Protein backbone atom coordinates (compact mmCIF):
# COMPACT_ATOMS: atom_id res chain seq x y z
CA UNK A 1 1.88 -13.89 -7.38
CA UNK A 2 -0.93 -13.15 -9.80
CA UNK A 3 -4.15 -12.11 -8.18
CA UNK A 4 -6.20 -11.49 -11.38
CA UNK A 5 -5.35 -10.54 -14.96
CA UNK A 6 -2.88 -7.68 -15.06
CA UNK A 7 -2.75 -7.63 -11.22
CA UNK A 8 0.14 -9.03 -9.23
CA UNK A 9 1.32 -8.98 -5.61
CA UNK A 10 4.84 -9.28 -4.16
CA UNK A 11 5.53 -9.80 -0.52
CA UNK A 12 3.15 -11.68 1.82
CA UNK A 13 0.06 -11.26 4.01
CA UNK A 14 2.39 -9.51 6.52
CA UNK A 15 3.67 -6.77 4.18
CA UNK A 16 2.74 -6.47 0.49
CA UNK A 17 3.21 -4.32 -2.62
CA UNK A 18 1.41 -4.54 -5.91
CA UNK A 19 1.98 -4.33 -9.66
CA UNK A 20 -0.47 -3.32 -12.38
CA UNK A 21 0.94 -5.01 -15.44
CA UNK A 22 -0.18 -3.68 -18.80
CA UNK A 23 1.14 -4.01 -22.33
CA UNK A 24 2.32 -0.36 -22.24
CA UNK A 25 4.14 -0.65 -18.87
CA UNK A 26 3.89 -1.43 -15.18
CA UNK A 27 2.72 0.72 -12.23
CA UNK A 28 4.02 -0.19 -8.78
CA UNK A 29 1.74 0.44 -5.76
CA UNK A 30 3.77 0.74 -2.56
CA UNK A 31 7.20 -0.77 -2.23
CA UNK A 32 7.01 -2.90 0.89
CA UNK A 33 10.34 -3.54 2.62
CA UNK A 34 13.87 -3.32 1.18
CA UNK A 35 14.17 -7.07 0.77
CA UNK A 36 11.15 -7.13 -1.53
CA UNK A 37 13.49 -5.82 -4.25
CA UNK A 38 14.51 -9.49 -4.90
CA UNK A 39 10.84 -10.50 -5.12
CA UNK A 40 10.18 -7.68 -7.58
CA UNK A 41 12.98 -8.85 -9.84
CA UNK A 42 11.73 -12.45 -9.65
CA UNK A 43 8.19 -11.44 -10.52
CA UNK A 44 9.36 -9.41 -13.51
CA UNK A 45 11.47 -12.35 -14.64
CA UNK A 46 8.41 -14.64 -14.51
CA UNK A 47 6.51 -12.06 -16.52
CA UNK A 48 9.31 -11.59 -19.00
CA UNK A 49 9.32 -7.88 -18.37
CA UNK A 50 12.45 -5.62 -17.75
CA UNK A 51 12.78 -3.13 -14.89
CA UNK A 52 12.61 -0.38 -17.55
CA UNK A 53 8.90 -1.28 -18.07
CA UNK A 54 8.08 0.23 -14.71
CA UNK A 55 6.67 3.70 -15.37
CA UNK A 56 6.03 4.93 -11.83
CA UNK A 57 5.79 4.07 -8.18
CA UNK A 58 2.76 5.28 -6.11
CA UNK A 59 3.04 5.37 -2.35
CA UNK A 60 -0.26 5.14 -0.47
CA UNK A 61 1.42 6.94 2.42
CA UNK A 62 4.88 7.59 3.85
CA UNK A 63 5.41 4.94 6.53
CA UNK A 64 8.67 3.03 6.31
CA UNK A 65 7.11 -0.38 5.65
CA UNK A 66 5.72 0.97 2.41
CA UNK A 67 8.89 2.71 1.15
CA UNK A 68 10.99 -0.47 0.77
CA UNK A 69 12.67 -0.43 -2.63
CA UNK A 70 11.05 2.75 -3.94
CA UNK A 71 14.19 4.92 -3.88
CA UNK A 72 16.31 2.11 -5.30
CA UNK A 73 13.85 1.67 -8.13
CA UNK A 74 13.78 5.44 -8.80
CA UNK A 75 17.55 5.60 -8.96
CA UNK A 76 17.74 2.47 -11.17
CA UNK A 77 15.02 3.27 -13.66
CA UNK A 78 14.28 6.95 -13.35
CA UNK A 79 10.60 6.18 -12.61
CA UNK A 80 8.93 8.87 -10.52
CA UNK A 81 7.73 8.25 -6.93
CA UNK A 82 4.25 9.69 -6.34
CA UNK A 83 2.98 10.54 -2.87
CA UNK A 84 0.51 13.02 -1.33
CA UNK A 85 2.37 16.15 -0.23
CA UNK A 86 1.02 15.80 3.31
CA UNK A 87 3.11 12.61 3.65
CA UNK A 88 6.15 13.56 1.63
CA UNK A 89 8.19 14.69 4.64
CA UNK A 90 7.38 11.42 6.42
CA UNK A 91 8.64 9.48 3.37
CA UNK A 92 11.85 11.44 3.44
CA UNK A 93 12.47 10.39 7.05
CA UNK A 94 10.73 13.29 8.83
CA UNK A 95 8.99 13.10 12.17
CA UNK A 96 5.75 11.16 12.60
CA UNK A 97 3.42 11.09 15.62
CA UNK A 98 3.82 8.46 18.27
CA UNK A 99 0.79 6.19 18.27
CA UNK A 100 -0.15 3.79 21.09
CA UNK A 101 0.65 0.12 20.46
CA UNK A 102 -2.86 -0.92 21.46
CA UNK A 103 -4.06 -4.55 21.77
CA UNK A 104 -1.58 -7.18 20.64
CA UNK A 105 -0.81 -10.88 20.87
CA UNK A 106 2.78 -12.09 21.34
CA UNK A 107 2.97 -14.42 18.36
CA UNK A 108 1.60 -12.13 15.65
CA UNK A 109 3.74 -9.26 16.89
CA UNK A 110 6.80 -11.43 16.90
CA UNK A 111 6.00 -12.74 13.42
CA UNK A 112 5.68 -9.23 12.10
CA UNK A 113 8.95 -8.12 13.70
CA UNK A 114 10.82 -11.21 12.41
CA UNK A 115 9.48 -10.80 8.94
CA UNK A 116 10.41 -7.09 8.86
CA UNK A 117 13.93 -7.85 10.07
CA UNK A 118 14.32 -10.62 7.52
CA UNK A 119 13.19 -8.28 4.72
CA UNK A 120 15.49 -5.48 5.68
CA UNK A 121 13.09 -3.29 7.66
CA UNK A 122 15.94 -2.07 9.86
CA UNK A 123 17.67 -0.39 6.86
CA UNK A 124 14.84 1.73 5.48
CA UNK A 125 15.85 3.78 2.40
CA UNK A 126 13.92 7.00 2.60
CA UNK A 127 12.99 8.71 -0.66
CA UNK A 128 14.74 11.84 -1.85
CA UNK A 129 12.65 13.00 -4.82
CA UNK A 130 8.88 12.79 -5.14
CA UNK A 131 6.02 13.96 -7.35
CA UNK A 132 2.78 15.20 -5.74
CA UNK A 133 -0.56 13.45 -5.78
CA UNK A 134 -3.91 15.22 -5.44
CA UNK A 135 -7.35 13.91 -4.67
CA UNK A 136 -9.27 12.66 -7.73
CA UNK A 137 -6.19 12.95 -9.98
CA UNK A 138 -5.88 10.29 -12.68
CA UNK A 139 -2.20 9.68 -13.21
CA UNK A 140 -0.74 9.07 -16.69
CA UNK A 141 0.43 5.63 -15.74
CA UNK A 142 -0.49 2.03 -16.77
CA UNK A 143 -3.88 1.11 -15.37
CA UNK A 144 -5.06 4.75 -15.27
CA UNK A 145 -4.70 4.96 -11.44
CA UNK A 146 -7.02 7.46 -9.76
CA UNK A 147 -6.16 9.00 -6.41
CA UNK A 148 -8.68 8.99 -3.56
CA UNK A 149 -7.50 10.94 -0.51
CA UNK A 150 -8.18 9.07 2.78
CA UNK A 151 -6.59 11.15 5.60
CA UNK A 152 -6.63 9.44 8.94
CA UNK A 153 -4.01 6.74 9.10
CA UNK A 154 -1.69 9.59 8.17
CA UNK A 155 -2.48 13.09 6.83
CA UNK A 156 -1.53 12.10 3.30
CA UNK A 157 -2.95 8.60 3.10
CA UNK A 158 -4.58 7.79 -0.21
CA UNK A 159 -6.26 4.86 -1.90
CA UNK A 160 -5.60 4.13 -5.55
CA UNK A 161 -8.42 2.99 -7.80
CA UNK A 162 -7.67 1.23 -11.09
CA UNK A 163 -10.84 0.41 -12.84
CA UNK A 164 -8.68 -1.32 -15.47
CA UNK A 165 -8.03 -4.08 -12.96
CA UNK A 166 -11.11 -3.46 -10.85
CA UNK A 167 -9.09 -2.91 -7.75
CA UNK A 168 -8.66 -0.45 -4.90
CA UNK A 169 -5.23 -0.31 -3.28
CA UNK A 170 -5.89 0.97 0.22
CA UNK A 171 -2.43 0.98 1.86
CA UNK A 172 -3.16 1.18 5.62
CA UNK A 173 -6.58 2.82 5.35
CA UNK A 174 -7.76 -0.66 6.41
CA UNK A 175 -6.14 -4.04 6.95
CA UNK A 176 -7.29 -7.61 6.35
CA UNK A 177 -4.68 -9.04 8.80
CA UNK A 178 -3.89 -7.06 11.89
CA UNK A 179 -0.12 -7.28 12.30
CA UNK A 180 -0.33 -6.96 16.10
CA UNK A 181 -3.21 -9.37 16.86
CA UNK A 182 -3.36 -11.69 13.79
CA UNK A 183 -7.12 -10.95 13.47
CA UNK A 184 -8.33 -11.57 9.92
CA UNK A 185 -10.90 -9.73 7.78
CA UNK A 186 -11.39 -6.05 6.95
CA UNK A 187 -10.67 -3.91 10.07
CA UNK A 188 -8.95 -0.68 11.16
CA UNK A 189 -5.21 -0.78 10.80
CA UNK A 190 -2.87 -0.24 13.83
CA UNK A 191 -0.40 2.67 14.21
CA UNK A 192 -3.04 5.11 12.91
CA UNK A 193 -2.67 8.81 13.59
CA UNK A 194 -6.41 9.57 13.81
CA UNK A 195 -8.34 6.34 14.20
CA UNK A 196 -11.89 7.78 14.18
CA UNK A 197 -11.17 9.91 11.11
CA UNK A 198 -9.58 6.93 9.35
CA UNK A 199 -12.72 4.80 9.78
CA UNK A 200 -15.13 7.60 8.88
CA UNK A 201 -13.30 8.62 5.68
CA UNK A 202 -13.68 5.13 4.28
CA UNK A 203 -17.20 6.17 3.22
CA UNK A 204 -15.46 8.06 0.37
CA UNK A 205 -14.94 4.60 -1.21
CA UNK A 206 -18.63 3.66 -1.11
CA UNK A 207 -20.24 3.01 -4.46
CA UNK A 208 -16.98 2.42 -6.30
CA UNK A 209 -17.19 -0.32 -8.91
CA UNK A 210 -14.37 -2.66 -7.94
CA UNK A 211 -14.03 -6.29 -6.88
CA UNK A 212 -10.59 -6.33 -5.15
CA UNK A 213 -9.56 -4.52 -1.96
CA UNK A 214 -5.78 -4.69 -1.70
CA UNK A 215 -4.23 -3.63 1.60
CA UNK A 216 -0.63 -3.13 2.59
CA UNK A 217 -1.05 -5.82 5.25
CA UNK A 218 -3.27 -8.88 4.88
CA UNK A 219 -4.66 -11.03 2.10
CA UNK A 220 -6.24 -9.55 -0.99
CA UNK A 221 -9.99 -9.20 -0.30
CA UNK A 222 -12.38 -10.18 -3.04
CA UNK A 223 -15.55 -8.20 -2.70
CA UNK A 224 -17.00 -4.68 -3.09
CA UNK A 225 -15.64 -1.68 -1.23
CA UNK A 226 -19.07 -1.24 0.42
CA UNK A 227 -18.89 -4.74 1.97
CA UNK A 228 -15.31 -4.23 3.20
CA UNK A 229 -16.26 -0.81 4.73
CA UNK A 230 -19.28 -2.32 6.44
CA UNK A 231 -16.99 -4.91 8.13
CA UNK A 232 -14.51 -2.28 9.22
CA UNK A 233 -17.14 0.00 10.69
CA UNK A 234 -18.92 -2.92 12.36
CA UNK A 235 -15.65 -3.64 14.29
CA UNK A 236 -15.75 -0.23 15.92
CA UNK A 237 -19.48 0.29 16.39
């Protein structure tokens, strides 16, 4: 699915991954669930681009519903998997804190569980080799992605800014569709390690010149980071 020029999504509003598609190659942001591999291949076929055009995979954090096809892609193409070192162990299958389920509705929760099962969520392939990200680093990848550390959802959560496509990929720093309640619009994401910190740190995105907010869960949000942050923080005020 094309969102804007050079900007594509695979997956759905339940779980999504993204592609920055440039003439010199492709950058993958997050890797969804294992079953999204087929959607990746379909999207590349539509674009007329081979797997070998993928130059790197950036993980916004190490939760299993963002790892999806990352290891398979690394093994197939040799493309590096980038992640903040504070989440690298989590992405390799290490321990993560238990977070309370919180408020939920039966139908959205069942839809999330069914979709995850359908897309292979029960057979997570953890990563084995990663390259480190650091705050404010600009990676030598298509779209010139810049790293913005946003600890809170997890210690190594990051957003990725590509001014080339005027988009901020936020992972689970916020969501536009709460997978447990079905609520729509920018809001805090569930299963967050440090909820208060996760909301406060979003101020780091204020003033960024972008027009797309792209979460791991929920529809692409067309608007400024400031407007999205205002909505998130209003939900908890």
